[in-house]
Amino acid sequence: MRTLLIIIGFIFAMAFTSCAARITVQSPHIKIVKMAPKHHKIVIVKGKRYYFWNGRHYKKTKKGYVVVRV
């Protein structure tokens, strides 16, 4: 009987837990640049690395470079 309750508890716990680690929603206004141009500059602001070209700061992500405000 005890074993049956443990198995049922395990199945119940596994059925109602999520495997998703993080869900993010991107705004349609965000532009992702796949590759930085050759003339980009690396800038360190408050200990964080940003990439600068065309008068804008970009941050490197897994998908590419995203415009950020510094």
Protein backbone atom coordinates (compact mmCIF):
# COMPACT_ATOMS: atom_id res chain seq x y z
CA MET A 1 0.00 0.00 0.00
CA ARG A 2 2.82 2.39 0.90
CA THR A 3 4.58 1.68 -2.40
CA LEU A 4 1.39 2.36 -4.31
CA LEU A 5 0.97 5.75 -2.61
CA ILE A 6 4.58 6.67 -3.41
CA ILE A 7 4.12 5.75 -7.08
CA ILE A 8 0.84 7.69 -7.32
CA GLY A 9 2.48 10.72 -5.64
CA PHE A 10 5.42 10.54 -8.06
CA ILE A 11 3.12 10.37 -11.10
CA PHE A 12 1.02 13.26 -9.74
CA ALA A 13 4.15 15.40 -9.19
CA MET A 14 5.51 14.69 -12.67
CA ALA A 15 2.19 15.39 -14.37
CA PHE A 16 1.83 18.91 -12.97
CA THR A 17 5.39 20.21 -13.27
CA SER A 18 6.65 22.21 -16.21
CA CYS A 19 9.82 21.52 -18.14
CA ALA A 20 10.01 25.05 -19.55
CA ALA A 21 12.96 26.96 -18.11
CA ARG A 22 12.15 30.44 -19.37
CA ILE A 23 9.64 31.95 -21.76
CA THR A 24 10.43 35.29 -23.38
CA VAL A 25 8.27 37.45 -25.60
CA GLN A 26 9.97 39.65 -28.17
CA SER A 27 8.54 42.95 -29.23
CA PRO A 28 7.91 43.37 -32.96
CA HIS A 29 10.07 46.54 -32.80
CA ILE A 30 13.26 44.67 -31.87
CA LYS A 31 15.69 44.29 -34.75
CA ILE A 32 18.35 41.58 -34.61
CA VAL A 33 21.53 42.05 -36.63
CA LYS A 34 23.16 38.69 -37.43
CA MET A 35 26.73 39.96 -37.93
CA ALA A 36 28.54 43.08 -36.77
CA PRO A 37 30.19 45.14 -39.53
CA LYS A 38 33.98 45.22 -39.83
CA HIS A 39 34.21 48.81 -38.57
CA HIS A 40 32.44 48.18 -35.22
CA LYS A 41 34.06 49.20 -31.94
CA ILE A 42 33.94 47.34 -28.62
CA VAL A 43 33.00 49.66 -25.75
CA ILE A 44 33.00 48.82 -22.03
CA VAL A 45 30.30 50.67 -20.05
CA LYS A 46 29.96 49.95 -16.30
CA GLY A 47 31.83 46.68 -16.75
CA LYS A 48 29.61 45.40 -19.58
CA ARG A 49 30.69 44.90 -23.18
CA TYR A 50 28.78 46.67 -25.93
CA TYR A 51 29.40 46.95 -29.65
CA PHE A 52 29.17 50.39 -31.28
CA TRP A 53 28.51 51.29 -34.91
CA ASN A 54 26.28 53.73 -36.83
CA GLY A 55 25.82 55.82 -33.67
CA ARG A 56 24.11 53.00 -31.73
CA HIS A 57 25.14 50.57 -29.02
CA TYR A 58 24.45 46.86 -29.53
CA LYS A 59 24.55 43.93 -27.15
CA LYS A 60 25.57 40.47 -28.33
CA THR A 61 22.99 37.71 -27.85
CA LYS A 62 22.71 34.10 -29.01
CA LYS A 63 20.69 35.17 -32.06
CA GLY A 64 22.79 38.19 -33.02
CA TYR A 65 23.20 41.84 -31.98
CA VAL A 66 20.34 43.84 -30.46
CA VAL A 67 20.15 47.65 -30.13
CA VAL A 68 20.26 48.80 -26.49
CA ARG A 69 20.26 52.10 -24.61
CA VAL A 70 23.38 52.75 -22.56
